[in-house]
C-alpha atoms as a PDB file:
ATOM      1  CA  VAL A   1     -25.864 -17.903   7.116  1.00  0.00           C
ATOM      2  CA  VAL A   2     -26.621 -14.486   8.592  1.00  0.00           C
ATOM      3  CA  ALA A   3     -29.013 -13.468   5.804  1.00  0.00           C
ATOM      4  CA  ARG A   4     -30.969 -16.698   6.200  1.00  0.00           C
ATOM      5  CA  SER A   5     -31.163 -16.297   9.987  1.00  0.00           C
ATOM      6  CA  LEU A   6     -32.361 -12.710   9.584  1.00  0.00           C
ATOM      7  CA  ALA A   7     -35.011 -13.839   7.094  1.00  0.00           C
ATOM      8  CA  GLU A   8     -36.176 -16.660   9.395  1.00  0.00           C
ATOM      9  CA  GLY A   9     -36.361 -14.292  12.354  1.00  0.00           C
ATOM     10  CA  SER A  10     -33.980 -16.332  14.501  1.00  0.00           C
ATOM     11  CA  LEU A  11     -31.512 -13.438  14.342  1.00  0.00           C
ATOM     12  CA  ARG A  12     -32.356  -9.765  14.624  1.00  0.00           C
ATOM     13  CA  ALA A  13     -30.409  -6.733  13.485  1.00  0.00           C
ATOM     14  CA  VAL A  14     -30.011  -4.142  16.221  1.00  0.00           C
ATOM     15  CA  PRO A  15     -28.937  -0.680  15.076  1.00  0.00           C
ATOM     16  CA  VAL A  16     -26.094   0.531  17.261  1.00  0.00           C
ATOM     17  CA  GLU A  17     -24.187   3.787  16.989  1.00  0.00           C
ATOM     18  CA  LEU A  18     -20.558   3.098  17.771  1.00  0.00           C
ATOM     19  CA  PRO A  19     -18.208   5.940  18.646  1.00  0.00           C
ATOM     20  CA  LYS A  20     -15.461   6.714  16.165  1.00  0.00           C
ATOM     21  CA  ARG A  21     -12.073   5.510  17.351  1.00  0.00           C
ATOM     22  CA  ASP A  22      -8.578   6.538  16.402  1.00  0.00           C
ATOM     23  CA  PHE A  23      -5.928   3.867  16.028  1.00  0.00           C
ATOM     24  CA  ALA A  24      -2.171   4.009  15.611  1.00  0.00           C
ATOM     25  CA  MET A  25       0.097   1.601  13.795  1.00  0.00           C
ATOM     26  CA  ILE A  26       3.504   1.033  15.304  1.00  0.00           C
ATOM     27  CA  THR A  27       6.318  -0.207  13.086  1.00  0.00           C
ATOM     28  CA  HIS A  28       9.954  -1.037  13.665  1.00  0.00           C
ATOM     29  CA  ARG A  29      12.166   1.636  12.132  1.00  0.00           C
ATOM     30  CA  ASP A  30      14.874  -0.853  11.145  1.00  0.00           C
ATOM     31  CA  ARG A  31      12.572  -3.347   9.406  1.00  0.00           C
ATOM     32  CA  GLN A  32      10.877  -3.121   6.050  1.00  0.00           C
ATOM     33  CA  ALA A  33       7.110  -3.628   6.125  1.00  0.00           C
ATOM     34  CA  SER A  34       5.839  -6.953   4.789  1.00  0.00           C
ATOM     35  CA  LEU A  35       3.270  -7.133   1.997  1.00  0.00           C
ATOM     36  CA  ALA A  36       0.667  -8.097   4.593  1.00  0.00           C
ATOM     37  CA  GLN A  37       1.496  -5.035   6.703  1.00  0.00           C
ATOM     38  CA  MET A  38       1.316  -2.749   3.672  1.00  0.00           C
ATOM     39  CA  ALA A  39      -2.023  -4.262   2.626  1.00  0.00           C
ATOM     40  CA  LEU A  40      -3.449  -3.835   6.127  1.00  0.00           C
ATOM     41  CA  LYS A  41      -2.293  -0.222   6.274  1.00  0.00           C
ATOM     42  CA  ALA A  42      -3.813   0.474   2.844  1.00  0.00           C
ATOM     43  CA  HIS A  43      -7.082  -1.138   3.924  1.00  0.00           C
ATOM     44  CA  LEU A  44      -7.264   0.802   7.176  1.00  0.00           C
ATOM     45  CA  THR A  45      -6.458   4.137   5.545  1.00  0.00           C
ATOM     46  CA  GLY A  46      -8.932   3.598   2.709  1.00  0.00           C
ATOM     47  CA  LYS A  47      -6.229   3.341   0.061  1.00  0.00           C
ATOM     48  CA  ALA A  48      -6.728  -0.369  -0.647  1.00  0.00           C
ATOM     49  CA  ASP A  49      -8.714   0.234  -3.853  1.00  0.00           C
ATOM     50  CA  ALA A  50      -6.000   2.490  -5.261  1.00  0.00           C
ATOM     51  CA  LEU A  51      -3.326  -0.035  -4.301  1.00  0.00           C
ATOM     52  CA  ALA A  52      -5.235  -2.920  -5.917  1.00  0.00           C
ATOM     53  CA  SER A  53      -5.840  -1.034  -9.164  1.00  0.00           C
ATOM     54  CA  ALA A  54      -2.137  -0.124  -9.394  1.00  0.00           C
ATOM     55  CA  GLU A  55      -1.176  -3.818  -9.514  1.00  0.00           C
END
C-alpha cells in the first residue's frame, strides 16, 4: 500500500533525523519471562537473529 502510494505521488517520503533514545525494560524478579518477553528483548537488543538461528 505504501509503495504504491509513493509511486503514485499521493504519499511523500520526508527524511527526518530522529534522536537516539535509550529505553529500559523492567521485569518482575519473582517471575520467569515469557517467550514473548524473551523474543521482544532479543529483538530490541539486536540478538533476535542469533536466537532464531539457535532454534
